[in-house]
Amino acid sequence: MKPLAHRGPVLDLRTYKLVPGGRETFDRILRESALPMLARHEIDVVGYGPSLADSDHYYLARAFPSGSSRERRLGVFYGGDEWKQGYEGTVSELIETYHTVVIPLTEDALASLSGRTTGG
């Protein structure tokens, strides 16, 4: 992960191209397992779900108070045994490719997004 110098709030938007037929399993794992794990790591999921345009894409949007907070929290999450041993292999098999963009947020936008934690 490239270090982020941005000190203000950021939105981390990840899009996934999933293997054909894998979206239902990916969605179930995200909702039942990954979302509770993300919450335990104080990662604010502000949106997630399937693409409206096709059957192979999915998105996950996460808000962080700063770029350094994003790096630290995601490092602990993805570096932890719970993720590595429980889900990393299974989830990786469902993903063909993924892309992440990180964009700055205003404090008002962060507050607005953080108030909406429903998905799909």
PDB file of N, CA and C in Angstrom:
ATOM      1  N   MET A   1       0.846  -1.170   0.000  1.00  0.00           N
ATOM      2  CA  MET A   1       0.000   0.000   0.000  1.00  0.00           C
ATOM      3  C   MET A   1       0.898   1.243   0.000  1.00  0.00           C
ATOM      4  N   LYS A   2       0.652   2.150  -0.897  1.00  0.00           N
ATOM      5  CA  LYS A   2       1.417   3.392  -0.965  1.00  0.00           C
ATOM      6  C   LYS A   2       0.992   4.325   0.174  1.00  0.00           C
ATOM      7  N   PRO A   3       1.944   4.898   0.898  1.00  0.00           N
ATOM      8  CA  PRO A   3       1.588   5.813   1.993  1.00  0.00           C
ATOM      9  C   PRO A   3       0.787   7.010   1.484  1.00  0.00           C
ATOM     10  N   LEU A   4      -0.233   7.369   2.245  1.00  0.00           N
ATOM     11  CA  LEU A   4      -1.064   8.522   1.906  1.00  0.00           C
ATOM     12  C   LEU A   4      -0.692   9.693   2.799  1.00  0.00           C
ATOM     13  N   ALA A   5      -0.377  10.807   2.183  1.00  0.00           N
ATOM     14  CA  ALA A   5      -0.018  12.000   2.942  1.00  0.00           C
ATOM     15  C   ALA A   5      -1.254  12.780   3.381  1.00  0.00           C
ATOM     16  N   HIS A   6      -2.409  12.455   2.831  1.00  0.00           N
ATOM     17  CA  HIS A   6      -3.633  13.210   3.114  1.00  0.00           C
ATOM     18  C   HIS A   6      -4.010  13.076   4.590  1.00  0.00           C
ATOM     19  N   ARG A   7      -4.176  14.210   5.258  1.00  0.00           N
ATOM     20  CA  ARG A   7      -4.458  14.212   6.694  1.00  0.00           C
ATOM     21  C   ARG A   7      -5.951  14.212   7.007  1.00  0.00           C
ATOM     22  N   GLY A   8      -6.776  14.606   6.047  1.00  0.00           N
ATOM     23  CA  GLY A   8      -8.211  14.669   6.299  1.00  0.00           C
ATOM     24  C   GLY A   8      -8.894  13.351   5.975  1.00  0.00           C
ATOM     25  N   PRO A   9     -10.206  13.320   6.099  1.00  0.00           N
ATOM     26  CA  PRO A   9     -10.977  12.109   5.837  1.00  0.00           C
ATOM     27  C   PRO A   9     -10.832  11.646   4.384  1.00  0.00           C
ATOM     28  N   VAL A  10     -10.872  10.324   4.209  1.00  0.00           N
ATOM     29  CA  VAL A  10     -10.784   9.742   2.865  1.00  0.00           C
ATOM     30  C   VAL A  10     -11.850   8.667   2.681  1.00  0.00           C
ATOM     31  N   LEU A  11     -12.231   8.503   1.425  1.00  0.00           N
ATOM     32  CA  LEU A  11     -13.122   7.419   1.028  1.00  0.00           C
ATOM     33  C   LEU A  11     -12.307   6.433   0.220  1.00  0.00           C
ATOM     34  N   ASP A  12     -12.336   5.183   0.624  1.00  0.00           N
ATOM     35  CA  ASP A  12     -11.665   4.083  -0.058  1.00  0.00           C
ATOM     36  C   ASP A  12     -12.767   3.325  -0.804  1.00  0.00           C
ATOM     37  N   LEU A  13     -12.740   3.384  -2.129  1.00  0.00           N
ATOM     38  CA  LEU A  13     -13.754   2.723  -2.944  1.00  0.00           C
ATOM     39  C   LEU A  13     -13.094   1.597  -3.725  1.00  0.00           C
ATOM     40  N   ARG A  14     -13.516   0.389  -3.429  1.00  0.00           N
ATOM     41  CA  ARG A  14     -12.947  -0.784  -4.089  1.00  0.00           C
ATOM     42  C   ARG A  14     -14.021  -1.434  -4.959  1.00  0.00           C
ATOM     43  N   THR A  15     -13.648  -1.735  -6.193  1.00  0.00           N
ATOM     44  CA  THR A  15     -14.544  -2.468  -7.091  1.00  0.00           C
ATOM     45  C   THR A  15     -13.900  -3.813  -7.409  1.00  0.00           C
ATOM     46  N   TYR A  16     -14.735  -4.825  -7.478  1.00  0.00           N
ATOM     47  CA  TYR A  16     -14.274  -6.184  -7.731  1.00  0.00           C
ATOM     48  C   TYR A  16     -14.917  -6.720  -9.008  1.00  0.00           C
ATOM     49  N   LYS A  17     -14.131  -7.370  -9.854  1.00  0.00           N
ATOM     50  CA  LYS A  17     -14.672  -8.189 -10.941  1.00  0.00           C
ATOM     51  C   LYS A  17     -14.567  -9.614 -10.436  1.00  0.00           C
ATOM     52  N   LEU A  18     -15.707 -10.231 -10.222  1.00  0.00           N
ATOM     53  CA  LEU A  18     -15.758 -11.554  -9.625  1.00  0.00           C
ATOM     54  C   LEU A  18     -15.808 -12.632 -10.696  1.00  0.00           C
ATOM     55  N   VAL A  19     -15.423 -13.842 -10.308  1.00  0.00           N
ATOM     56  CA  VAL A  19     -15.504 -14.963 -11.237  1.00  0.00           C
ATOM     57  C   VAL A  19     -16.977 -15.188 -11.567  1.00  0.00           C
ATOM     58  N   PRO A  20     -17.274 -15.663 -12.775  1.00  0.00           N
ATOM     59  CA  PRO A  20     -18.673 -15.922 -13.129  1.00  0.00           C
ATOM     60  C   PRO A  20     -19.331 -16.845 -12.102  1.00  0.00           C
ATOM     61  N   GLY A  21     -20.495 -16.421 -11.639  1.00  0.00           N
ATOM     62  CA  GLY A  21     -21.256 -17.202 -10.671  1.00  0.00           C
ATOM     63  C   GLY A  21     -20.794 -17.046  -9.225  1.00  0.00           C
ATOM     64  N   GLY A  22     -19.801 -16.205  -8.960  1.00  0.00           N
ATOM     65  CA  GLY A  22     -19.258 -16.086  -7.615  1.00  0.00           C
ATOM     66  C   GLY A  22     -19.856 -14.987  -6.763  1.00  0.00           C
ATOM     67  N   ARG A  23     -20.714 -14.157  -7.352  1.00  0.00           N
ATOM     68  CA  ARG A  23     -21.185 -12.986  -6.621  1.00  0.00           C
ATOM     69  C   ARG A  23     -22.035 -13.329  -5.400  1.00  0.00           C
ATOM     70  N   GLU A  24     -22.868 -14.342  -5.494  1.00  0.00           N
ATOM     71  CA  GLU A  24     -23.721 -14.702  -4.355  1.00  0.00           C
ATOM     72  C   GLU A  24     -22.871 -15.151  -3.161  1.00  0.00           C
ATOM     73  N   THR A  25     -21.863 -15.970  -3.406  1.00  0.00           N
ATOM     74  CA  THR A  25     -20.975 -16.427  -2.337  1.00  0.00           C
ATOM     75  C   THR A  25     -20.170 -15.264  -1.774  1.00  0.00           C
ATOM     76  N   PHE A  26     -19.642 -14.401  -2.646  1.00  0.00           N
ATOM     77  CA  PHE A  26     -18.882 -13.233  -2.210  1.00  0.00           C
ATOM     78  C   PHE A  26     -19.749 -12.352  -1.317  1.00  0.00           C
ATOM     79  N   ASP A  27     -20.975 -12.095  -1.731  1.00  0.00           N
ATOM     80  CA  ASP A  27     -21.897 -11.257  -0.960  1.00  0.00           C
ATOM     81  C   ASP A  27     -22.187 -11.884   0.403  1.00  0.00           C
ATOM     82  N   ARG A  28     -22.410 -13.178   0.438  1.00  0.00           N
ATOM     83  CA  ARG A  28     -22.691 -13.861   1.707  1.00  0.00           C
ATOM     84  C   ARG A  28     -21.503 -13.756   2.657  1.00  0.00           C
ATOM     85  N   ILE A  29     -20.286 -14.009   2.148  1.00  0.00           N
ATOM     86  CA  ILE A  29     -19.096 -13.907   2.995  1.00  0.00           C
ATOM     87  C   ILE A  29     -18.922 -12.480   3.502  1.00  0.00           C
ATOM     88  N   LEU A  30     -19.129 -11.497   2.635  1.00  0.00           N
ATOM     89  CA  LEU A  30     -18.988 -10.107   3.054  1.00  0.00           C
ATOM     90  C   LEU A  30     -19.978  -9.782   4.163  1.00  0.00           C
ATOM     91  N   ARG A  31     -21.252 -10.076   3.934  1.00  0.00           N
ATOM     92  CA  ARG A  31     -22.279  -9.716   4.907  1.00  0.00           C
ATOM     93  C   ARG A  31     -22.141 -10.471   6.229  1.00  0.00           C
ATOM     94  N   GLU A  32     -21.907 -11.773   6.149  1.00  0.00           N
ATOM     95  CA  GLU A  32     -21.918 -12.599   7.356  1.00  0.00           C
ATOM     96  C   GLU A  32     -20.603 -12.599   8.119  1.00  0.00           C
ATOM     97  N   SER A  33     -19.485 -12.399   7.434  1.00  0.00           N
ATOM     98  CA  SER A  33     -18.188 -12.535   8.094  1.00  0.00           C
ATOM     99  C   SER A  33     -17.327 -11.276   8.018  1.00  0.00           C
ATOM    100  N   ALA A  34     -17.137 -10.747   6.821  1.00  0.00           N
ATOM    101  CA  ALA A  34     -16.203  -9.624   6.658  1.00  0.00           C
ATOM    102  C   ALA A  34     -16.729  -8.347   7.302  1.00  0.00           C
ATOM    103  N   LEU A  35     -18.013  -8.040   7.154  1.00  0.00           N
ATOM    104  CA  LEU A  35     -18.540  -6.807   7.751  1.00  0.00           C
ATOM    105  C   LEU A  35     -18.367  -6.781   9.267  1.00  0.00           C
ATOM    106  N   PRO A  36     -18.690  -7.859   9.988  1.00  0.00           N
ATOM    107  CA  PRO A  36     -18.431  -7.836  11.433  1.00  0.00           C
ATOM    108  C   PRO A  36     -16.943  -7.692  11.761  1.00  0.00           C
ATOM    109  N   MET A  37     -16.069  -8.327  10.981  1.00  0.00           N
ATOM    110  CA  MET A  37     -14.627  -8.190  11.210  1.00  0.00           C
ATOM    111  C   MET A  37     -14.176  -6.761  10.957  1.00  0.00           C
ATOM    112  N   LEU A  38     -14.646  -6.155   9.885  1.00  0.00           N
ATOM    113  CA  LEU A  38     -14.298  -4.766   9.585  1.00  0.00           C
ATOM    114  C   LEU A  38     -14.747  -3.846  10.716  1.00  0.00           C
ATOM    115  N   ALA A  39     -15.935  -4.075  11.235  1.00  0.00           N
ATOM    116  CA  ALA A  39     -16.445  -3.255  12.343  1.00  0.00           C
ATOM    117  C   ALA A  39     -15.558  -3.406  13.577  1.00  0.00           C
ATOM    118  N   ARG A  40     -15.114  -4.621  13.871  1.00  0.00           N
ATOM    119  CA  ARG A  40     -14.229  -4.836  15.028  1.00  0.00           C
ATOM    120  C   ARG A  40     -12.904  -4.093  14.866  1.00  0.00           C
ATOM    121  N   HIS A  41     -12.497  -3.869  13.621  1.00  0.00           N
ATOM    122  CA  HIS A  41     -11.254  -3.144  13.342  1.00  0.00           C
ATOM    123  C   HIS A  41     -11.501  -1.645  13.136  1.00  0.00           C
ATOM    124  N   GLU A  42     -12.692  -1.191  13.506  1.00  0.00           N
ATOM    125  CA  GLU A  42     -13.082   0.217  13.400  1.00  0.00           C
ATOM    126  C   GLU A  42     -12.946   0.749  11.981  1.00  0.00           C
ATOM    127  N   ILE A  43     -13.327  -0.094  11.016  1.00  0.00           N
ATOM    128  CA  ILE A  43     -13.353   0.299   9.610  1.00  0.00           C
ATOM    129  C   ILE A  43     -14.804   0.565   9.257  1.00  0.00           C
ATOM    130  N   ASP A  44     -15.094   1.797   8.891  1.00  0.00           N
ATOM    131  CA  ASP A  44     -16.454   2.266   8.654  1.00  0.00           C
ATOM    132  C   ASP A  44     -16.893   1.951   7.223  1.00  0.00           C
ATOM    133  N   VAL A  45     -17.674   0.896   7.060  1.00  0.00           N
ATOM    134  CA  VAL A  45     -18.204   0.540   5.751  1.00  0.00           C
ATOM    135  C   VAL A  45     -19.433   1.406   5.499  1.00  0.00           C
ATOM    136  N   VAL A  46     -19.355   2.234   4.456  1.00  0.00           N
ATOM    137  CA  VAL A  46     -20.446   3.164   4.178  1.00  0.00           C
ATOM    138  C   VAL A  46     -21.301   2.718   2.997  1.00  0.00           C
ATOM    139  N   GLY A  47     -20.905   1.654   2.339  1.00  0.00           N
ATOM    140  CA  GLY A  47     -21.694   1.109   1.249  1.00  0.00           C
ATOM    141  C   GLY A  47     -21.051  -0.142   0.692  1.00  0.00           C
ATOM    142  N   TYR A  48     -21.882  -1.024   0.165  1.00  0.00           N
ATOM    143  CA  TYR A  48     -21.393  -2.245  -0.475  1.00  0.00           C
ATOM    144  C   TYR A  48     -22.543  -2.851  -1.259  1.00  0.00           C
ATOM    145  N   GLY A  49     -22.202  -3.695  -2.207  1.00  0.00           N
ATOM    146  CA  GLY A  49     -23.244  -4.405  -2.918  1.00  0.00           C
ATOM    147  C   GLY A  49     -22.889  -4.702  -4.350  1.00  0.00           C
ATOM    148  N   PRO A  50     -23.798  -5.387  -5.034  1.00  0.00           N
ATOM    149  CA  PRO A  50     -23.577  -5.753  -6.431  1.00  0.00           C
ATOM    150  C   PRO A  50     -23.754  -4.566  -7.367  1.00  0.00           C
ATOM    151  N   SER A  51     -23.043  -4.623  -8.467  1.00  0.00           N
ATOM    152  CA  SER A  51     -23.213  -3.611  -9.512  1.00  0.00           C
ATOM    153  C   SER A  51     -24.617  -3.711 -10.095  1.00  0.00           C
ATOM    154  N   LEU A  52     -25.175  -2.586 -10.425  1.00  0.00           N
ATOM    155  CA  LEU A  52     -26.471  -2.575 -11.100  1.00  0.00           C
ATOM    156  C   LEU A  52     -26.322  -2.840 -12.590  1.00  0.00           C
ATOM    157  N   ALA A  53     -25.095  -2.724 -13.113  1.00  0.00           N
ATOM    158  CA  ALA A  53     -24.871  -2.800 -14.557  1.00  0.00           C
ATOM    159  C   ALA A  53     -24.612  -4.209 -15.075  1.00  0.00           C
ATOM    160  N   ASP A  54     -24.116  -5.116 -14.225  1.00  0.00           N
ATOM    161  CA  ASP A  54     -23.820  -6.474 -14.705  1.00  0.00           C
ATOM    162  C   ASP A  54     -23.807  -7.433 -13.523  1.00  0.00           C
ATOM    163  N   SER A  55     -23.596  -8.707 -13.797  1.00  0.00           N
ATOM    164  CA  SER A  55     -23.673  -9.728 -12.746  1.00  0.00           C
ATOM    165  C   SER A  55     -22.315 -10.136 -12.190  1.00  0.00           C
ATOM    166  N   ASP A  56     -21.229  -9.513 -12.652  1.00  0.00           N
ATOM    167  CA  ASP A  56     -19.896  -9.931 -12.226  1.00  0.00           C
ATOM    168  C   ASP A  56     -19.157  -8.910 -11.367  1.00  0.00           C
ATOM    169  N   HIS A  57     -19.742  -7.737 -11.120  1.00  0.00           N
ATOM    170  CA  HIS A  57     -19.030  -6.709 -10.367  1.00  0.00           C
ATOM    171  C   HIS A  57     -19.704  -6.440  -9.016  1.00  0.00           C
ATOM    172  N   TYR A  58     -18.888  -5.961  -8.087  1.00  0.00           N
ATOM    173  CA  TYR A  58     -19.316  -5.699  -6.715  1.00  0.00           C
ATOM    174  C   TYR A  58     -18.502  -4.507  -6.217  1.00  0.00           C
ATOM    175  N   TYR A  59     -19.011  -3.779  -5.228  1.00  0.00           N
ATOM    176  CA  TYR A  59     -18.245  -2.661  -4.686  1.00  0.00           C
ATOM    177  C   TYR A  59     -18.256  -2.690  -3.163  1.00  0.00           C
ATOM    178  N   LEU A  60     -17.234  -2.052  -2.585  1.00  0.00           N
ATOM    179  CA  LEU A  60     -17.123  -1.874  -1.149  1.00  0.00           C
ATOM    180  C   LEU A  60     -16.582  -0.474  -0.919  1.00  0.00           C
ATOM    181  N   ALA A  61     -17.297   0.334  -0.160  1.00  0.00           N
ATOM    182  CA  ALA A  61     -16.876   1.707   0.137  1.00  0.00           C
ATOM    183  C   ALA A  61     -16.628   1.831   1.638  1.00  0.00           C
ATOM    184  N   ARG A  62     -15.433   2.328   1.979  1.00  0.00           N
ATOM    185  CA  ARG A  62     -15.045   2.468   3.383  1.00  0.00           C
ATOM    186  C   ARG A  62     -14.549   3.885   3.626  1.00  0.00           C
ATOM    187  N   ALA A  63     -14.974   4.481   4.737  1.00  0.00           N
ATOM    188  CA  ALA A  63     -14.545   5.842   5.089  1.00  0.00           C
ATOM    189  C   ALA A  63     -13.568   5.771   6.258  1.00  0.00           C
ATOM    190  N   PHE A  64     -12.574   6.641   6.195  1.00  0.00           N
ATOM    191  CA  PHE A  64     -11.550   6.704   7.237  1.00  0.00           C
ATOM    192  C   PHE A  64     -11.329   8.160   7.625  1.00  0.00           C
ATOM    193  N   PRO A  65     -10.956   8.412   8.880  1.00  0.00           N
ATOM    194  CA  PRO A  65     -10.716   9.792   9.302  1.00  0.00           C
ATOM    195  C   PRO A  65      -9.475  10.413   8.671  1.00  0.00           C
ATOM    196  N   SER A  66      -8.550   9.588   8.154  1.00  0.00           N
ATOM    197  CA  SER A  66      -7.335  10.100   7.508  1.00  0.00           C
ATOM    198  C   SER A  66      -6.692   8.994   6.681  1.00  0.00           C
ATOM    199  N   GLY A  67      -5.759   9.396   5.827  1.00  0.00           N
ATOM    200  CA  GLY A  67      -5.021   8.423   5.036  1.00  0.00           C
ATOM    201  C   GLY A  67      -4.186   7.499   5.905  1.00  0.00           C
ATOM    202  N   SER A  68      -3.561   8.035   6.937  1.00  0.00           N
ATOM    203  CA  SER A  68      -2.736   7.190   7.807  1.00  0.00           C
ATOM    204  C   SER A  68      -3.599   6.222   8.610  1.00  0.00           C
ATOM    205  N   SER A  69      -4.782   6.650   9.004  1.00  0.00           N
ATOM    206  CA  SER A  69      -5.711   5.761   9.697  1.00  0.00           C
ATOM    207  C   SER A  69      -6.119   4.609   8.779  1.00  0.00           C
ATOM    208  N   ARG A  70      -6.370   4.932   7.511  1.00  0.00           N
ATOM    209  CA  ARG A  70      -6.716   3.901   6.531  1.00  0.00           C
ATOM    210  C   ARG A  70      -5.607   2.867   6.431  1.00  0.00           C
ATOM    211  N   GLU A  71      -4.377   3.316   6.269  1.00  0.00           N
ATOM    212  CA  GLU A  71      -3.241   2.401   6.134  1.00  0.00           C
ATOM    213  C   GLU A  71      -3.096   1.510   7.361  1.00  0.00           C
ATOM    214  N   ARG A  72      -3.178   2.106   8.529  1.00  0.00           N
ATOM    215  CA  ARG A  72      -2.996   1.364   9.774  1.00  0.00           C
ATOM    216  C   ARG A  72      -4.105   0.317   9.956  1.00  0.00           C
ATOM    217  N   ARG A  73      -5.350   0.745   9.798  1.00  0.00           N
ATOM    218  CA  ARG A  73      -6.478  -0.167  10.044  1.00  0.00           C
ATOM    219  C   ARG A  73      -6.543  -1.290   9.021  1.00  0.00           C
ATOM    220  N   LEU A  74      -6.323  -0.962   7.748  1.00  0.00           N
ATOM    221  CA  LEU A  74      -6.350  -2.017   6.731  1.00  0.00           C
ATOM    222  C   LEU A  74      -5.166  -2.966   6.897  1.00  0.00           C
ATOM    223  N   GLY A  75      -4.015  -2.435   7.304  1.00  0.00           N
ATOM    224  CA  GLY A  75      -2.853  -3.290   7.541  1.00  0.00           C
ATOM    225  C   GLY A  75      -3.116  -4.310   8.636  1.00  0.00           C
ATOM    226  N   VAL A  76      -3.730  -3.868   9.718  1.00  0.00           N
ATOM    227  CA  VAL A  76      -4.052  -4.777  10.814  1.00  0.00           C
ATOM    228  C   VAL A  76      -5.120  -5.777  10.369  1.00  0.00           C
ATOM    229  N   PHE A  77      -6.136  -5.293   9.646  1.00  0.00           N
ATOM    230  CA  PHE A  77      -7.220  -6.174   9.202  1.00  0.00           C
ATOM    231  C   PHE A  77      -6.692  -7.267   8.274  1.00  0.00           C
ATOM    232  N   TYR A  78      -6.050  -6.870   7.169  1.00  0.00           N
ATOM    233  CA  TYR A  78      -5.593  -7.847   6.178  1.00  0.00           C
ATOM    234  C   TYR A  78      -4.376  -8.640   6.645  1.00  0.00           C
ATOM    235  N   GLY A  79      -3.657  -8.119   7.632  1.00  0.00           N
ATOM    236  CA  GLY A  79      -2.493  -8.824   8.156  1.00  0.00           C
ATOM    237  C   GLY A  79      -2.813  -9.765   9.306  1.00  0.00           C
ATOM    238  N   GLY A  80      -4.047  -9.720   9.779  1.00  0.00           N
ATOM    239  CA  GLY A  80      -4.433 -10.531  10.928  1.00  0.00           C
ATOM    240  C   GLY A  80      -4.738 -11.975  10.589  1.00  0.00           C
ATOM    241  N   ASP A  81      -4.563 -12.831  11.584  1.00  0.00           N
ATOM    242  CA  ASP A  81      -4.810 -14.264  11.400  1.00  0.00           C
ATOM    243  C   ASP A  81      -6.260 -14.567  11.047  1.00  0.00           C
ATOM    244  N   GLU A  82      -7.201 -13.820  11.632  1.00  0.00           N
ATOM    245  CA  GLU A  82      -8.619 -14.103  11.358  1.00  0.00           C
ATOM    246  C   GLU A  82      -8.903 -13.994   9.866  1.00  0.00           C
ATOM    247  N   TRP A  83      -8.408 -12.937   9.216  1.00  0.00           N
ATOM    248  CA  TRP A  83      -8.623 -12.773   7.782  1.00  0.00           C
ATOM    249  C   TRP A  83      -7.795 -13.783   6.989  1.00  0.00           C
ATOM    250  N   LYS A  84      -6.518 -13.870   7.290  1.00  0.00           N
ATOM    251  CA  LYS A  84      -5.614 -14.727   6.518  1.00  0.00           C
ATOM    252  C   LYS A  84      -6.011 -16.194   6.574  1.00  0.00           C
ATOM    253  N   GLN A  85      -6.305 -16.683   7.763  1.00  0.00           N
ATOM    254  CA  GLN A  85      -6.604 -18.100   7.924  1.00  0.00           C
ATOM    255  C   GLN A  85      -8.059 -18.446   7.631  1.00  0.00           C
ATOM    256  N   GLY A  86      -8.944 -17.494   7.847  1.00  0.00           N
ATOM    257  CA  GLY A  86     -10.361 -17.801   7.696  1.00  0.00           C
ATOM    258  C   GLY A  86     -10.966 -17.482   6.351  1.00  0.00           C
ATOM    259  N   TYR A  87     -10.440 -16.435   5.663  1.00  0.00           N
ATOM    260  CA  TYR A  87     -11.170 -15.959   4.487  1.00  0.00           C
ATOM    261  C   TYR A  87     -10.321 -15.593   3.277  1.00  0.00           C
ATOM    262  N   GLU A  88      -9.071 -15.236   3.468  1.00  0.00           N
ATOM    263  CA  GLU A  88      -8.271 -14.711   2.364  1.00  0.00           C
ATOM    264  C   GLU A  88      -8.270 -15.641   1.151  1.00  0.00           C
ATOM    265  N   GLY A  89      -8.016 -16.929   1.355  1.00  0.00           N
ATOM    266  CA  GLY A  89      -7.981 -17.876   0.242  1.00  0.00           C
ATOM    267  C   GLY A  89      -9.323 -18.016  -0.447  1.00  0.00           C
ATOM    268  N   THR A  90     -10.366 -18.191   0.332  1.00  0.00           N
ATOM    269  CA  THR A  90     -11.714 -18.361  -0.222  1.00  0.00           C
ATOM    270  C   THR A  90     -12.144 -17.134  -1.008  1.00  0.00           C
ATOM    271  N   VAL A  91     -11.934 -15.957  -0.445  1.00  0.00           N
ATOM    272  CA  VAL A  91     -12.336 -14.720  -1.115  1.00  0.00           C
ATOM    273  C   VAL A  91     -11.492 -14.486  -2.361  1.00  0.00           C
ATOM    274  N   SER A  92     -10.199 -14.737  -2.279  1.00  0.00           N
ATOM    275  CA  SER A  92      -9.318 -14.541  -3.441  1.00  0.00           C
ATOM    276  C   SER A  92      -9.744 -15.389  -4.632  1.00  0.00           C
ATOM    277  N   GLU A  93     -10.238 -16.573  -4.371  1.00  0.00           N
ATOM    278  CA  GLU A  93     -10.696 -17.454  -5.446  1.00  0.00           C
ATOM    279  C   GLU A  93     -11.939 -16.910  -6.155  1.00  0.00           C
ATOM    280  N   LEU A  94     -12.669 -16.018  -5.505  1.00  0.00           N
ATOM    281  CA  LEU A  94     -13.885 -15.448  -6.090  1.00  0.00           C
ATOM    282  C   LEU A  94     -13.614 -14.168  -6.886  1.00  0.00           C
ATOM    283  N   ILE A  95     -12.398 -13.611  -6.763  1.00  0.00           N
ATOM    284  CA  ILE A  95     -12.063 -12.326  -7.380  1.00  0.00           C
ATOM    285  C   ILE A  95     -11.144 -12.523  -8.572  1.00  0.00           C
ATOM    286  N   GLU A  96     -11.580 -12.029  -9.740  1.00  0.00           N
ATOM    287  CA  GLU A  96     -10.692 -12.011 -10.908  1.00  0.00           C
ATOM    288  C   GLU A  96      -9.726 -10.839 -10.798  1.00  0.00           C
ATOM    289  N   THR A  97     -10.263  -9.653 -10.560  1.00  0.00           N
ATOM    290  CA  THR A  97      -9.450  -8.448 -10.391  1.00  0.00           C
ATOM    291  C   THR A  97     -10.178  -7.501  -9.445  1.00  0.00           C
ATOM    292  N   TYR A  98      -9.428  -6.561  -8.908  1.00  0.00           N
ATOM    293  CA  TYR A  98     -10.049  -5.488  -8.131  1.00  0.00           C
ATOM    294  C   TYR A  98      -9.247  -4.216  -8.317  1.00  0.00           C
ATOM    295  N   HIS A  99      -9.925  -3.092  -8.110  1.00  0.00           N
ATOM    296  CA  HIS A  99      -9.296  -1.773  -8.191  1.00  0.00           C
ATOM    297  C   HIS A  99      -9.740  -0.957  -6.989  1.00  0.00           C
ATOM    298  N   THR A 100      -8.812  -0.154  -6.482  1.00  0.00           N
ATOM    299  CA  THR A 100      -9.108   0.698  -5.340  1.00  0.00           C
ATOM    300  C   THR A 100      -8.760   2.134  -5.698  1.00  0.00           C
ATOM    301  N   VAL A 101      -9.678   3.038  -5.410  1.00  0.00           N
ATOM    302  CA  VAL A 101      -9.391   4.465  -5.501  1.00  0.00           C
ATOM    303  C   VAL A 101      -9.628   5.056  -4.117  1.00  0.00           C
ATOM    304  N   VAL A 102      -8.782   5.998  -3.755  1.00  0.00           N
ATOM    305  CA  VAL A 102      -8.906   6.672  -2.471  1.00  0.00           C
ATOM    306  C   VAL A 102      -9.039   8.155  -2.775  1.00  0.00           C
ATOM    307  N   ILE A 103     -10.132   8.739  -2.285  1.00  0.00           N
ATOM    308  CA  ILE A 103     -10.406  10.138  -2.583  1.00  0.00           C
ATOM    309  C   ILE A 103     -10.621  10.917  -1.295  1.00  0.00           C
ATOM    310  N   PRO A 104     -10.286  12.214  -1.310  1.00  0.00           N
ATOM    311  CA  PRO A 104     -10.493  13.025  -0.110  1.00  0.00           C
ATOM    312  C   PRO A 104     -11.978  13.286   0.123  1.00  0.00           C
ATOM    313  N   LEU A 105     -12.330  13.425   1.387  1.00  0.00           N
ATOM    314  CA  LEU A 105     -13.694  13.761   1.787  1.00  0.00           C
ATOM    315  C   LEU A 105     -13.663  15.011   2.655  1.00  0.00           C
ATOM    316  N   THR A 106     -14.728  15.775   2.595  1.00  0.00           N
ATOM    317  CA  THR A 106     -14.890  16.852   3.569  1.00  0.00           C
ATOM    318  C   THR A 106     -15.411  16.237   4.864  1.00  0.00           C
ATOM    319  N   GLU A 107     -15.291  16.954   5.952  1.00  0.00           N
ATOM    320  CA  GLU A 107     -15.825  16.470   7.236  1.00  0.00           C
ATOM    321  C   GLU A 107     -17.331  16.244   7.137  1.00  0.00           C
ATOM    322  N   ASP A 108     -18.043  17.127   6.420  1.00  0.00           N
ATOM    323  CA  ASP A 108     -19.494  16.981   6.261  1.00  0.00           C
ATOM    324  C   ASP A 108     -19.839  15.719   5.480  1.00  0.00           C
ATOM    325  N   ALA A 109     -19.078  15.447   4.423  1.00  0.00           N
ATOM    326  CA  ALA A 109     -19.328  14.248   3.628  1.00  0.00           C
ATOM    327  C   ALA A 109     -19.064  12.996   4.458  1.00  0.00           C
ATOM    328  N   LEU A 110     -17.996  13.008   5.241  1.00  0.00           N
ATOM    329  CA  LEU A 110     -17.694  11.868   6.093  1.00  0.00           C
ATOM    330  C   LEU A 110     -18.824  11.626   7.096  1.00  0.00           C
ATOM    331  N   ALA A 111     -19.298  12.673   7.729  1.00  0.00           N
ATOM    332  CA  ALA A 111     -20.387  12.535   8.701  1.00  0.00           C
ATOM    333  C   ALA A 111     -21.641  11.998   8.023  1.00  0.00           C
ATOM    334  N   SER A 112     -21.924  12.481   6.832  1.00  0.00           N
ATOM    335  CA  SER A 112     -23.101  12.026   6.097  1.00  0.00           C
ATOM    336  C   SER A 112     -22.986  10.552   5.723  1.00  0.00           C
ATOM    337  N   LEU A 113     -21.828  10.167   5.190  1.00  0.00           N
ATOM    338  CA  LEU A 113     -21.614   8.778   4.798  1.00  0.00           C
ATOM    339  C   LEU A 113     -21.619   7.849   5.997  1.00  0.00           C
ATOM    340  N   SER A 114     -21.018   8.260   7.080  1.00  0.00           N
ATOM    341  CA  SER A 114     -20.930   7.404   8.263  1.00  0.00           C
ATOM    342  C   SER A 114     -22.291   7.158   8.889  1.00  0.00           C
ATOM    343  N   GLY A 115     -23.257   8.002   8.610  1.00  0.00           N
ATOM    344  CA  GLY A 115     -24.605   7.800   9.107  1.00  0.00           C
ATOM    345  C   GLY A 115     -25.364   6.747   8.329  1.00  0.00           C
ATOM    346  N   ARG A 116     -24.819   6.336   7.182  1.00  0.00           N
ATOM    347  CA  ARG A 116     -25.473   5.334   6.322  1.00  0.00           C
ATOM    348  C   ARG A 116     -24.586   4.100   6.248  1.00  0.00           C
ATOM    349  N   THR A 117     -24.932   3.065   7.016  1.00  0.00           N
ATOM    350  CA  THR A 117     -24.129   1.845   7.001  1.00  0.00           C
ATOM    351  C   THR A 117     -24.908   0.671   6.426  1.00  0.00           C
ATOM    352  N   THR A 118     -25.965   0.934   5.710  1.00  0.00           N
ATOM    353  CA  THR A 118     -26.692  -0.152   5.069  1.00  0.00           C
ATOM    354  C   THR A 118     -26.088  -0.415   3.705  1.00  0.00           C
ATOM    355  N   GLY A 119     -26.252  -1.578   3.239  1.00  0.00           N
ATOM    356  CA  GLY A 119     -25.664  -1.920   1.944  1.00  0.00           C
ATOM    357  C   GLY A 119     -26.645  -2.611   1.048  1.00  0.00           C
ATOM    358  N   GLY A 120     -26.076  -3.088  -0.057  1.00  0.00           N
ATOM    359  CA  GLY A 120     -26.762  -3.892  -1.038  1.00  0.00           C
ATOM    360  C   GLY A 120     -27.991  -3.274  -1.487  1.00  0.00           C
TER     361      GLY A 120
END
